[in-house]
Amino acid sequence: MPSAAEAASYPVLETVLQKPLQVGTSFQGWTIESTTATVDTGTTVYQDVIQLSRSEDQMTTTKYFAKDIGLIRKEDTMETEQDEPFVVTSTLQKIE
Protein backbone atom coordinates (compact mmCIF):
# COMPACT_ATOMS: atom_id res chain seq x y z
CA MET A 1 0.00 0.00 0.00
CA PRO A 2 1.25 3.49 -0.79
CA SER A 3 1.87 5.91 2.06
CA ALA A 4 -0.41 8.93 2.50
CA ALA A 5 2.27 11.14 0.93
CA GLU A 6 2.58 8.85 -2.09
CA ALA A 7 -1.20 8.68 -2.52
CA ALA A 8 -1.43 12.48 -2.33
CA SER A 9 1.12 12.77 -5.14
CA TYR A 10 -1.02 10.80 -7.62
CA PRO A 11 -3.01 12.83 -10.16
CA VAL A 12 -6.76 13.22 -9.62
CA LEU A 13 -8.52 11.13 -12.27
CA GLU A 14 -12.08 11.99 -11.30
CA THR A 15 -13.75 13.99 -8.54
CA VAL A 16 -16.53 11.85 -7.08
CA LEU A 17 -18.17 14.52 -4.88
CA GLN A 18 -17.26 18.11 -4.20
CA LYS A 19 -18.37 20.48 -1.47
CA PRO A 20 -20.54 22.34 -0.90
CA LEU A 21 -23.00 19.43 -0.99
CA GLN A 22 -25.91 21.66 -1.96
CA VAL A 23 -28.44 21.47 -4.76
CA GLY A 24 -27.10 23.32 -7.77
CA THR A 25 -23.41 22.82 -7.01
CA SER A 26 -21.57 21.86 -10.23
CA PHE A 27 -18.14 20.32 -10.82
CA GLN A 28 -16.55 18.56 -13.81
CA GLY A 29 -19.89 18.56 -15.65
CA TRP A 30 -21.81 17.03 -12.70
CA THR A 31 -24.62 18.90 -10.94
CA ILE A 32 -26.07 18.06 -7.53
CA GLU A 33 -29.79 17.62 -8.18
CA SER A 34 -30.86 16.56 -4.66
CA THR A 35 -29.46 15.95 -1.20
CA THR A 36 -32.69 14.43 0.13
CA ALA A 37 -33.49 11.73 -2.45
CA THR A 38 -34.87 8.36 -1.38
CA VAL A 39 -33.51 5.30 -3.19
CA ASP A 40 -34.85 1.75 -2.86
CA THR A 41 -32.16 -0.73 -3.94
CA GLY A 42 -34.45 -3.70 -3.48
CA THR A 43 -32.76 -4.71 -0.24
CA THR A 44 -32.51 -1.35 1.55
CA VAL A 45 -34.28 2.00 1.34
CA TYR A 46 -31.76 4.83 1.67
CA GLN A 47 -32.82 8.31 2.81
CA ASP A 48 -31.09 11.67 2.28
CA VAL A 49 -29.23 10.41 -0.77
CA ILE A 50 -27.13 12.78 -2.85
CA GLN A 51 -28.21 12.69 -6.50
CA LEU A 52 -25.81 13.90 -9.23
CA SER A 53 -26.42 14.14 -12.95
CA ARG A 54 -24.43 14.89 -16.05
CA SER A 55 -25.62 15.06 -19.66
CA GLU A 56 -23.54 14.66 -22.80
CA ASP A 57 -25.07 14.44 -26.25
CA GLN A 58 -28.00 11.99 -25.96
CA MET A 59 -26.81 10.38 -22.70
CA THR A 60 -27.67 11.40 -19.15
CA THR A 61 -25.89 9.72 -16.25
CA THR A 62 -27.32 9.92 -12.75
CA LYS A 63 -25.44 8.75 -9.64
CA TYR A 64 -26.81 8.27 -6.14
CA PHE A 65 -24.59 8.38 -3.03
CA ALA A 66 -25.65 7.32 0.49
CA LYS A 67 -23.88 8.65 3.57
CA ASP A 68 -21.33 6.22 5.04
CA ILE A 69 -21.92 3.81 2.10
CA GLY A 70 -20.93 5.52 -1.16
CA LEU A 71 -22.32 4.92 -4.64
CA ILE A 72 -25.53 2.88 -4.36
CA ARG A 73 -27.06 3.36 -7.80
CA LYS A 74 -26.07 4.57 -11.28
CA GLU A 75 -28.40 5.11 -14.23
CA ASP A 76 -27.37 5.80 -17.81
CA THR A 77 -30.28 7.02 -19.91
CA MET A 78 -29.90 7.37 -23.67
CA GLU A 79 -32.52 9.10 -25.76
CA THR A 80 -33.42 7.04 -28.82
CA GLU A 81 -35.67 7.38 -31.81
CA GLN A 82 -38.12 5.06 -30.02
CA ASP A 83 -40.81 6.33 -27.65
CA GLU A 84 -38.90 5.04 -24.62
CA PRO A 85 -35.28 5.88 -23.75
CA PHE A 86 -32.70 3.10 -23.34
CA VAL A 87 -31.77 2.82 -19.65
CA VAL A 88 -28.92 0.87 -18.04
CA THR A 89 -29.03 0.69 -14.23
CA SER A 90 -26.46 -0.59 -11.72
CA THR A 91 -27.65 -0.96 -8.12
CA LEU A 92 -25.88 -2.01 -4.92
CA GLN A 93 -27.23 -5.38 -3.79
CA LYS A 94 -25.24 -6.08 -0.64
CA ILE A 95 -22.25 -5.05 1.41
CA GLU A 96 -19.90 -7.78 2.59
PDB file of N, CA and C in Angstrom:
ATOM      1  N   MET A   1       0.842  -1.184   0.000  1.00  0.00           N
ATOM      2  CA  MET A   1       0.000   0.000   0.000  1.00  0.00           C
ATOM      3  C   MET A   1       0.886   1.246   0.000  1.00  0.00           C
ATOM      4  N   PRO A   2       0.476   2.252  -0.787  1.00  0.00           N
ATOM      5  CA  PRO A   2       1.253   3.494  -0.787  1.00  0.00           C
ATOM      6  C   PRO A   2       1.028   4.270   0.515  1.00  0.00           C
ATOM      7  N   SER A   3       2.015   5.045   0.884  1.00  0.00           N
ATOM      8  CA  SER A   3       1.870   5.908   2.057  1.00  0.00           C
ATOM      9  C   SER A   3       0.910   7.045   1.717  1.00  0.00           C
ATOM     10  N   ALA A   4       0.484   7.785   2.728  1.00  0.00           N
ATOM     11  CA  ALA A   4      -0.410   8.933   2.504  1.00  0.00           C
ATOM     12  C   ALA A   4       0.257   9.955   1.585  1.00  0.00           C
ATOM     13  N   ALA A   5       1.551  10.173   1.772  1.00  0.00           N
ATOM     14  CA  ALA A   5       2.271  11.140   0.928  1.00  0.00           C
ATOM     15  C   ALA A   5       2.312  10.676  -0.520  1.00  0.00           C
ATOM     16  N   GLU A   6       2.568   9.373  -0.731  1.00  0.00           N
ATOM     17  CA  GLU A   6       2.582   8.845  -2.093  1.00  0.00           C
ATOM     18  C   GLU A   6       1.203   8.963  -2.737  1.00  0.00           C
ATOM     19  N   ALA A   7       0.175   8.598  -1.999  1.00  0.00           N
ATOM     20  CA  ALA A   7      -1.198   8.680  -2.523  1.00  0.00           C
ATOM     21  C   ALA A   7      -1.553  10.113  -2.885  1.00  0.00           C
ATOM     22  N   ALA A   8      -1.130  11.074  -2.067  1.00  0.00           N
ATOM     23  CA  ALA A   8      -1.432  12.482  -2.332  1.00  0.00           C
ATOM     24  C   ALA A   8      -0.714  12.983  -3.585  1.00  0.00           C
ATOM     25  N   SER A   9       0.373  12.319  -3.969  1.00  0.00           N
ATOM     26  CA  SER A   9       1.124  12.771  -5.142  1.00  0.00           C
ATOM     27  C   SER A   9       0.521  12.277  -6.459  1.00  0.00           C
ATOM     28  N   TYR A  10      -0.396  11.323  -6.404  1.00  0.00           N
ATOM     29  CA  TYR A  10      -1.016  10.798  -7.616  1.00  0.00           C
ATOM     30  C   TYR A  10      -1.969  11.831  -8.213  1.00  0.00           C
ATOM     31  N   PRO A  11      -2.080  11.864  -9.542  1.00  0.00           N
ATOM     32  CA  PRO A  11      -3.010  12.830 -10.161  1.00  0.00           C
ATOM     33  C   PRO A  11      -4.468  12.444  -9.880  1.00  0.00           C
ATOM     34  N   VAL A  12      -5.325  13.455  -9.804  1.00  0.00           N
ATOM     35  CA  VAL A  12      -6.758  13.223  -9.623  1.00  0.00           C
ATOM     36  C   VAL A  12      -7.333  12.805 -10.974  1.00  0.00           C
ATOM     37  N   LEU A  13      -7.929  11.616 -11.029  1.00  0.00           N
ATOM     38  CA  LEU A  13      -8.519  11.132 -12.272  1.00  0.00           C
ATOM     39  C   LEU A  13      -9.964  11.574 -12.404  1.00  0.00           C
ATOM     40  N   GLU A  14     -10.680  11.584 -11.281  1.00  0.00           N
ATOM     41  CA  GLU A  14     -12.077  11.991 -11.297  1.00  0.00           C
ATOM     42  C   GLU A  14     -12.464  12.459  -9.897  1.00  0.00           C
ATOM     43  N   THR A  15     -13.204  13.542  -9.811  1.00  0.00           N
ATOM     44  CA  THR A  15     -13.745  13.991  -8.542  1.00  0.00           C
ATOM     45  C   THR A  15     -15.104  13.338  -8.380  1.00  0.00           C
ATOM     46  N   VAL A  16     -15.292  12.588  -7.300  1.00  0.00           N
ATOM     47  CA  VAL A  16     -16.533  11.853  -7.079  1.00  0.00           C
ATOM     48  C   VAL A  16     -17.603  12.770  -6.512  1.00  0.00           C
ATOM     49  N   LEU A  17     -17.275  13.519  -5.477  1.00  0.00           N
ATOM     50  CA  LEU A  17     -18.166  14.520  -4.884  1.00  0.00           C
ATOM     51  C   LEU A  17     -17.335  15.732  -4.539  1.00  0.00           C
ATOM     52  N   GLN A  18     -17.973  16.880  -4.535  1.00  0.00           N
ATOM     53  CA  GLN A  18     -17.258  18.110  -4.203  1.00  0.00           C
ATOM     54  C   GLN A  18     -18.159  19.005  -3.387  1.00  0.00           C
ATOM     55  N   LYS A  19     -17.614  19.564  -2.319  1.00  0.00           N
ATOM     56  CA  LYS A  19     -18.372  20.483  -1.475  1.00  0.00           C
ATOM     57  C   LYS A  19     -18.489  21.821  -2.161  1.00  0.00           C
ATOM     58  N   PRO A  20     -19.501  22.609  -1.876  1.00  0.00           N
ATOM     59  CA  PRO A  20     -20.541  22.335  -0.895  1.00  0.00           C
ATOM     60  C   PRO A  20     -21.554  21.328  -1.453  1.00  0.00           C
ATOM     61  N   LEU A  21     -22.014  20.432  -0.602  1.00  0.00           N
ATOM     62  CA  LEU A  21     -23.003  19.433  -0.993  1.00  0.00           C
ATOM     63  C   LEU A  21     -24.388  20.056  -0.919  1.00  0.00           C
ATOM     64  N   GLN A  22     -24.647  20.930  -1.885  1.00  0.00           N
ATOM     65  CA  GLN A  22     -25.911  21.665  -1.956  1.00  0.00           C
ATOM     66  C   GLN A  22     -26.475  21.529  -3.369  1.00  0.00           C
ATOM     67  N   VAL A  23     -27.789  21.523  -3.453  1.00  0.00           N
ATOM     68  CA  VAL A  23     -28.441  21.467  -4.757  1.00  0.00           C
ATOM     69  C   VAL A  23     -27.954  22.629  -5.618  1.00  0.00           C
ATOM     70  N   GLY A  24     -27.583  22.304  -6.840  1.00  0.00           N
ATOM     71  CA  GLY A  24     -27.103  23.321  -7.773  1.00  0.00           C
ATOM     72  C   GLY A  24     -25.593  23.394  -7.887  1.00  0.00           C
ATOM     73  N   THR A  25     -24.860  22.823  -6.930  1.00  0.00           N
ATOM     74  CA  THR A  25     -23.405  22.818  -7.010  1.00  0.00           C
ATOM     75  C   THR A  25     -22.976  22.002  -8.227  1.00  0.00           C
ATOM     76  N   SER A  26     -22.043  22.542  -9.022  1.00  0.00           N
ATOM     77  CA  SER A  26     -21.566  21.859 -10.226  1.00  0.00           C
ATOM     78  C   SER A  26     -20.058  21.700 -10.178  1.00  0.00           C
ATOM     79  N   PHE A  27     -19.569  20.581 -10.706  1.00  0.00           N
ATOM     80  CA  PHE A  27     -18.138  20.321 -10.823  1.00  0.00           C
ATOM     81  C   PHE A  27     -17.923  19.278 -11.909  1.00  0.00           C
ATOM     82  N   GLN A  28     -16.925  19.481 -12.731  1.00  0.00           N
ATOM     83  CA  GLN A  28     -16.546  18.563 -13.807  1.00  0.00           C
ATOM     84  C   GLN A  28     -17.751  18.056 -14.610  1.00  0.00           C
ATOM     85  N   GLY A  29     -18.717  18.918 -14.861  1.00  0.00           N
ATOM     86  CA  GLY A  29     -19.892  18.558 -15.647  1.00  0.00           C
ATOM     87  C   GLY A  29     -21.026  17.945 -14.844  1.00  0.00           C
ATOM     88  N   TRP A  30     -20.780  17.595 -13.573  1.00  0.00           N
ATOM     89  CA  TRP A  30     -21.807  17.031 -12.698  1.00  0.00           C
ATOM     90  C   TRP A  30     -22.536  18.138 -11.968  1.00  0.00           C
ATOM     91  N   THR A  31     -23.826  17.959 -11.709  1.00  0.00           N
ATOM     92  CA  THR A  31     -24.620  18.905 -10.936  1.00  0.00           C
ATOM     93  C   THR A  31     -25.357  18.142  -9.845  1.00  0.00           C
ATOM     94  N   ILE A  32     -25.313  18.669  -8.621  1.00  0.00           N
ATOM     95  CA  ILE A  32     -26.065  18.055  -7.529  1.00  0.00           C
ATOM     96  C   ILE A  32     -27.527  18.432  -7.710  1.00  0.00           C
ATOM     97  N   GLU A  33     -28.365  17.427  -7.940  1.00  0.00           N
ATOM     98  CA  GLU A  33     -29.793  17.617  -8.177  1.00  0.00           C
ATOM     99  C   GLU A  33     -30.611  17.539  -6.885  1.00  0.00           C
ATOM    100  N   SER A  34     -30.134  16.740  -5.919  1.00  0.00           N
ATOM    101  CA  SER A  34     -30.865  16.565  -4.662  1.00  0.00           C
ATOM    102  C   SER A  34     -29.895  16.102  -3.586  1.00  0.00           C
ATOM    103  N   THR A  35     -30.187  16.464  -2.353  1.00  0.00           N
ATOM    104  CA  THR A  35     -29.458  15.945  -1.196  1.00  0.00           C
ATOM    105  C   THR A  35     -30.415  15.210  -0.267  1.00  0.00           C
ATOM    106  N   THR A  36     -31.659  15.061  -0.710  1.00  0.00           N
ATOM    107  CA  THR A  36     -32.687  14.429   0.127  1.00  0.00           C
ATOM    108  C   THR A  36     -33.444  13.333  -0.624  1.00  0.00           C
ATOM    109  N   ALA A  37     -32.817  12.770  -1.661  1.00  0.00           N
ATOM    110  CA  ALA A  37     -33.486  11.732  -2.446  1.00  0.00           C
ATOM    111  C   ALA A  37     -33.654  10.457  -1.613  1.00  0.00           C
ATOM    112  N   THR A  38     -34.646   9.674  -1.972  1.00  0.00           N
ATOM    113  CA  THR A  38     -34.867   8.358  -1.379  1.00  0.00           C
ATOM    114  C   THR A  38     -34.662   7.327  -2.483  1.00  0.00           C
ATOM    115  N   VAL A  39     -33.826   6.319  -2.197  1.00  0.00           N
ATOM    116  CA  VAL A  39     -33.513   5.297  -3.191  1.00  0.00           C
ATOM    117  C   VAL A  39     -33.766   3.926  -2.573  1.00  0.00           C
ATOM    118  N   ASP A  40     -34.568   3.123  -3.262  1.00  0.00           N
ATOM    119  CA  ASP A  40     -34.846   1.748  -2.856  1.00  0.00           C
ATOM    120  C   ASP A  40     -34.013   0.844  -3.748  1.00  0.00           C
ATOM    121  N   THR A  41     -33.038   0.149  -3.158  1.00  0.00           N
ATOM    122  CA  THR A  41     -32.164  -0.729  -3.940  1.00  0.00           C
ATOM    123  C   THR A  41     -32.728  -2.138  -4.060  1.00  0.00           C
ATOM    124  N   GLY A  42     -33.870  -2.372  -3.470  1.00  0.00           N
ATOM    125  CA  GLY A  42     -34.453  -3.705  -3.483  1.00  0.00           C
ATOM    126  C   GLY A  42     -34.166  -4.464  -2.201  1.00  0.00           C
ATOM    127  N   THR A  43     -33.087  -4.091  -1.529  1.00  0.00           N
ATOM    128  CA  THR A  43     -32.756  -4.706  -0.242  1.00  0.00           C
ATOM    129  C   THR A  43     -32.778  -3.693   0.888  1.00  0.00           C
ATOM    130  N   THR A  44     -32.553  -2.431   0.555  1.00  0.00           N
ATOM    131  CA  THR A  44     -32.511  -1.354   1.549  1.00  0.00           C
ATOM    132  C   THR A  44     -33.093  -0.094   0.937  1.00  0.00           C
ATOM    133  N   VAL A  45     -33.800   0.679   1.761  1.00  0.00           N
ATOM    134  CA  VAL A  45     -34.278   1.996   1.343  1.00  0.00           C
ATOM    135  C   VAL A  45     -33.368   3.024   2.006  1.00  0.00           C
ATOM    136  N   TYR A  46     -32.682   3.809   1.187  1.00  0.00           N
ATOM    137  CA  TYR A  46     -31.758   4.829   1.673  1.00  0.00           C
ATOM    138  C   TYR A  46     -32.448   6.188   1.636  1.00  0.00           C
ATOM    139  N   GLN A  47     -32.258   6.969   2.691  1.00  0.00           N
ATOM    140  CA  GLN A  47     -32.821   8.310   2.814  1.00  0.00           C
ATOM    141  C   GLN A  47     -31.689   9.336   2.689  1.00  0.00           C
ATOM    142  N   ASP A  48     -32.048  10.561   2.379  1.00  0.00           N
ATOM    143  CA  ASP A  48     -31.094  11.670   2.284  1.00  0.00           C
ATOM    144  C   ASP A  48     -29.908  11.345   1.378  1.00  0.00           C
ATOM    145  N   VAL A  49     -30.226  10.805   0.220  1.00  0.00           N
ATOM    146  CA  VAL A  49     -29.230  10.407  -0.769  1.00  0.00           C
ATOM    147  C   VAL A  49     -28.872  11.605  -1.637  1.00  0.00           C
ATOM    148  N   ILE A  50     -27.591  11.728  -1.953  1.00  0.00           N
ATOM    149  CA  ILE A  50     -27.126  12.785  -2.855  1.00  0.00           C
ATOM    150  C   ILE A  50     -27.259  12.275  -4.289  1.00  0.00           C
ATOM    151  N   GLN A  51     -27.960  13.048  -5.106  1.00  0.00           N
ATOM    152  CA  GLN A  51     -28.212  12.690  -6.505  1.00  0.00           C
ATOM    153  C   GLN A  51     -27.456  13.656  -7.406  1.00  0.00           C
ATOM    154  N   LEU A  52     -26.572  13.101  -8.259  1.00  0.00           N
ATOM    155  CA  LEU A  52     -25.812  13.897  -9.228  1.00  0.00           C
ATOM    156  C   LEU A  52     -26.247  13.530 -10.628  1.00  0.00           C
ATOM    157  N   SER A  53     -26.157  14.477 -11.553  1.00  0.00           N
ATOM    158  CA  SER A  53     -26.421  14.136 -12.948  1.00  0.00           C
ATOM    159  C   SER A  53     -25.473  14.889 -13.865  1.00  0.00           C
ATOM    160  N   ARG A  54     -25.260  14.271 -15.017  1.00  0.00           N
ATOM    161  CA  ARG A  54     -24.427  14.887 -16.054  1.00  0.00           C
ATOM    162  C   ARG A  54     -24.969  14.440 -17.401  1.00  0.00           C
ATOM    163  N   SER A  55     -25.113  15.369 -18.324  1.00  0.00           N
ATOM    164  CA  SER A  55     -25.618  15.056 -19.661  1.00  0.00           C
ATOM    165  C   SER A  55     -24.565  15.383 -20.702  1.00  0.00           C
ATOM    166  N   GLU A  56     -24.421  14.462 -21.657  1.00  0.00           N
ATOM    167  CA  GLU A  56     -23.536  14.658 -22.802  1.00  0.00           C
ATOM    168  C   GLU A  56     -24.228  14.075 -24.017  1.00  0.00           C
ATOM    169  N   ASP A  57     -24.396  14.865 -25.032  1.00  0.00           N
ATOM    170  CA  ASP A  57     -25.074  14.440 -26.251  1.00  0.00           C
ATOM    171  C   ASP A  57     -26.449  13.870 -25.897  1.00  0.00           C
ATOM    172  N   GLN A  58     -26.694  12.608 -26.217  1.00  0.00           N
ATOM    173  CA  GLN A  58     -28.001  11.995 -25.962  1.00  0.00           C
ATOM    174  C   GLN A  58     -28.015  11.163 -24.682  1.00  0.00           C
ATOM    175  N   MET A  59     -26.937  11.223 -23.892  1.00  0.00           N
ATOM    176  CA  MET A  59     -26.807  10.380 -22.703  1.00  0.00           C
ATOM    177  C   MET A  59     -26.837  11.224 -21.433  1.00  0.00           C
ATOM    178  N   THR A  60     -27.653  10.794 -20.469  1.00  0.00           N
ATOM    179  CA  THR A  60     -27.672  11.398 -19.145  1.00  0.00           C
ATOM    180  C   THR A  60     -27.295  10.323 -18.136  1.00  0.00           C
ATOM    181  N   THR A  61     -26.312  10.627 -17.305  1.00  0.00           N
ATOM    182  CA  THR A  61     -25.892   9.717 -16.251  1.00  0.00           C
ATOM    183  C   THR A  61     -26.301  10.318 -14.919  1.00  0.00           C
ATOM    184  N   THR A  62     -26.914   9.496 -14.081  1.00  0.00           N
ATOM    185  CA  THR A  62     -27.324   9.917 -12.748  1.00  0.00           C
ATOM    186  C   THR A  62     -26.691   8.971 -11.742  1.00  0.00           C
ATOM    187  N   LYS A  63     -26.062   9.544 -10.707  1.00  0.00           N
ATOM    188  CA  LYS A  63     -25.436   8.752  -9.645  1.00  0.00           C
ATOM    189  C   LYS A  63     -26.096   9.107  -8.314  1.00  0.00           C
ATOM    190  N   TYR A  64     -26.201   8.104  -7.451  1.00  0.00           N
ATOM    191  CA  TYR A  64     -26.814   8.273  -6.139  1.00  0.00           C
ATOM    192  C   TYR A  64     -25.833   7.808  -5.066  1.00  0.00           C
ATOM    193  N   PHE A  65     -25.542   8.679  -4.104  1.00  0.00           N
ATOM    194  CA  PHE A  65     -24.592   8.376  -3.034  1.00  0.00           C
ATOM    195  C   PHE A  65     -25.288   8.435  -1.678  1.00  0.00           C
ATOM    196  N   ALA A  66     -25.090   7.369  -0.867  1.00  0.00           N
ATOM    197  CA  ALA A  66     -25.646   7.321   0.486  1.00  0.00           C
ATOM    198  C   ALA A  66     -24.525   7.581   1.491  1.00  0.00           C
ATOM    199  N   LYS A  67     -24.846   8.322   2.533  1.00  0.00           N
ATOM    200  CA  LYS A  67     -23.879   8.654   3.574  1.00  0.00           C
ATOM    201  C   LYS A  67     -23.346   7.367   4.206  1.00  0.00           C
ATOM    202  N   ASP A  68     -22.043   7.337   4.422  1.00  0.00           N
ATOM    203  CA  ASP A  68     -21.327   6.216   5.041  1.00  0.00           C
ATOM    204  C   ASP A  68     -21.326   4.941   4.189  1.00  0.00           C
ATOM    205  N   ILE A  69     -21.897   4.981   2.984  1.00  0.00           N
ATOM    206  CA  ILE A  69     -21.920   3.814   2.103  1.00  0.00           C
ATOM    207  C   ILE A  69     -21.149   4.113   0.817  1.00  0.00           C
ATOM    208  N   GLY A  70     -21.535   5.191   0.128  1.00  0.00           N
ATOM    209  CA  GLY A  70     -20.930   5.524  -1.156  1.00  0.00           C
ATOM    210  C   GLY A  70     -21.938   5.385  -2.273  1.00  0.00           C
ATOM    211  N   LEU A  71     -21.463   5.048  -3.455  1.00  0.00           N
ATOM    212  CA  LEU A  71     -22.319   4.925  -4.639  1.00  0.00           C
ATOM    213  C   LEU A  71     -23.246   3.722  -4.470  1.00  0.00           C
ATOM    214  N   ILE A  72     -24.565   3.971  -4.528  1.00  0.00           N
ATOM    215  CA  ILE A  72     -25.530   2.882  -4.364  1.00  0.00           C
ATOM    216  C   ILE A  72     -26.320   2.607  -5.639  1.00  0.00           C
ATOM    217  N   ARG A  73     -26.300   3.556  -6.565  1.00  0.00           N
ATOM    218  CA  ARG A  73     -27.058   3.361  -7.804  1.00  0.00           C
ATOM    219  C   ARG A  73     -26.486   4.284  -8.884  1.00  0.00           C
ATOM    220  N   LYS A  74     -26.491   3.776 -10.120  1.00  0.00           N
ATOM    221  CA  LYS A  74     -26.073   4.571 -11.276  1.00  0.00           C
ATOM    222  C   LYS A  74     -27.008   4.247 -12.419  1.00  0.00           C
ATOM    223  N   GLU A  75     -27.498   5.281 -13.086  1.00  0.00           N
ATOM    224  CA  GLU A  75     -28.399   5.112 -14.229  1.00  0.00           C
ATOM    225  C   GLU A  75     -27.843   5.868 -15.429  1.00  0.00           C
ATOM    226  N   ASP A  76     -27.734   5.167 -16.542  1.00  0.00           N
ATOM    227  CA  ASP A  76     -27.367   5.798 -17.806  1.00  0.00           C
ATOM    228  C   ASP A  76     -28.597   5.744 -18.692  1.00  0.00           C
ATOM    229  N   THR A  77     -29.076   6.919 -19.097  1.00  0.00           N
ATOM    230  CA  THR A  77     -30.284   7.017 -19.914  1.00  0.00           C
ATOM    231  C   THR A  77     -29.926   7.634 -21.257  1.00  0.00           C
ATOM    232  N   MET A  78     -30.200   6.892 -22.329  1.00  0.00           N
ATOM    233  CA  MET A  78     -29.902   7.375 -23.673  1.00  0.00           C
ATOM    234  C   MET A  78     -31.204   7.603 -24.427  1.00  0.00           C
ATOM    235  N   GLU A  79     -31.352   8.792 -24.930  1.00  0.00           N
ATOM    236  CA  GLU A  79     -32.520   9.100 -25.763  1.00  0.00           C
ATOM    237  C   GLU A  79     -32.355   8.374 -27.093  1.00  0.00           C
ATOM    238  N   THR A  80     -33.441   7.776 -27.558  1.00  0.00           N
ATOM    239  CA  THR A  80     -33.415   7.041 -28.821  1.00  0.00           C
ATOM    240  C   THR A  80     -34.525   7.561 -29.722  1.00  0.00           C
ATOM    241  N   GLU A  81     -34.600   7.004 -30.897  1.00  0.00           N
ATOM    242  CA  GLU A  81     -35.673   7.375 -31.813  1.00  0.00           C
ATOM    243  C   GLU A  81     -36.981   6.684 -31.442  1.00  0.00           C
ATOM    244  N   GLN A  82     -36.923   5.755 -30.504  1.00  0.00           N
ATOM    245  CA  GLN A  82     -38.116   5.064 -30.022  1.00  0.00           C
ATOM    246  C   GLN A  82     -38.857   5.972 -29.033  1.00  0.00           C
ATOM    247  N   ASP A  83     -40.036   5.553 -28.624  1.00  0.00           N
ATOM    248  CA  ASP A  83     -40.807   6.329 -27.651  1.00  0.00           C
ATOM    249  C   ASP A  83     -40.148   6.323 -26.274  1.00  0.00           C
ATOM    250  N   GLU A  84     -39.523   5.194 -25.934  1.00  0.00           N
ATOM    251  CA  GLU A  84     -38.905   5.042 -24.620  1.00  0.00           C
ATOM    252  C   GLU A  84     -37.388   5.165 -24.731  1.00  0.00           C
ATOM    253  N   PRO A  85     -36.752   5.823 -23.744  1.00  0.00           N
ATOM    254  CA  PRO A  85     -35.284   5.877 -23.752  1.00  0.00           C
ATOM    255  C   PRO A  85     -34.703   4.512 -23.383  1.00  0.00           C
ATOM    256  N   PHE A  86     -33.430   4.313 -23.706  1.00  0.00           N
ATOM    257  CA  PHE A  86     -32.700   3.096 -23.345  1.00  0.00           C
ATOM    258  C   PHE A  86     -32.011   3.384 -22.019  1.00  0.00           C
ATOM    259  N   VAL A  87     -32.285   2.572 -20.989  1.00  0.00           N
ATOM    260  CA  VAL A  87     -31.765   2.819 -19.645  1.00  0.00           C
ATOM    261  C   VAL A  87     -30.966   1.612 -19.163  1.00  0.00           C
ATOM    262  N   VAL A  88     -29.748   1.885 -18.671  1.00  0.00           N
ATOM    263  CA  VAL A  88     -28.917   0.866 -18.039  1.00  0.00           C
ATOM    264  C   VAL A  88     -28.731   1.293 -16.584  1.00  0.00           C
ATOM    265  N   THR A  89     -29.071   0.377 -15.662  1.00  0.00           N
ATOM    266  CA  THR A  89     -29.026   0.687 -14.233  1.00  0.00           C
ATOM    267  C   THR A  89     -28.115  -0.290 -13.504  1.00  0.00           C
ATOM    268  N   SER A  90     -27.275   0.237 -12.620  1.00  0.00           N
ATOM    269  CA  SER A  90     -26.457  -0.590 -11.721  1.00  0.00           C
ATOM    270  C   SER A  90     -26.856  -0.211 -10.302  1.00  0.00           C
ATOM    271  N   THR A  91     -27.171  -1.216  -9.480  1.00  0.00           N
ATOM    272  CA  THR A  91     -27.652  -0.965  -8.123  1.00  0.00           C
ATOM    273  C   THR A  91     -26.905  -1.847  -7.131  1.00  0.00           C
ATOM    274  N   LEU A  92     -26.527  -1.276  -6.002  1.00  0.00           N
ATOM    275  CA  LEU A  92     -25.884  -2.014  -4.923  1.00  0.00           C
ATOM    276  C   LEU A  92     -26.846  -3.071  -4.395  1.00  0.00           C
ATOM    277  N   GLN A  93     -26.392  -4.311  -4.307  1.00  0.00           N
ATOM    278  CA  GLN A  93     -27.229  -5.383  -3.793  1.00  0.00           C
ATOM    279  C   GLN A  93     -26.906  -5.710  -2.346  1.00  0.00           C
ATOM    280  N   LYS A  94     -25.610  -5.774  -2.015  1.00  0.00           N
ATOM    281  CA  LYS A  94     -25.241  -6.085  -0.637  1.00  0.00           C
ATOM    282  C   LYS A  94     -23.843  -5.587  -0.342  1.00  0.00           C
ATOM    283  N   ILE A  95     -23.566  -5.455   0.948  1.00  0.00           N
ATOM    284  CA  ILE A  95     -22.246  -5.048   1.413  1.00  0.00           C
ATOM    285  C   ILE A  95     -21.691  -6.207   2.220  1.00  0.00           C
ATOM    286  N   GLU A  96     -20.514  -6.664   1.865  1.00  0.00           N
ATOM    287  CA  GLU A  96     -19.901  -7.775   2.586  1.00  0.00           C
ATOM    288  C   GLU A  96     -18.699  -7.317   3.367  1.00  0.00           C
TER     289      GLU A  96
END
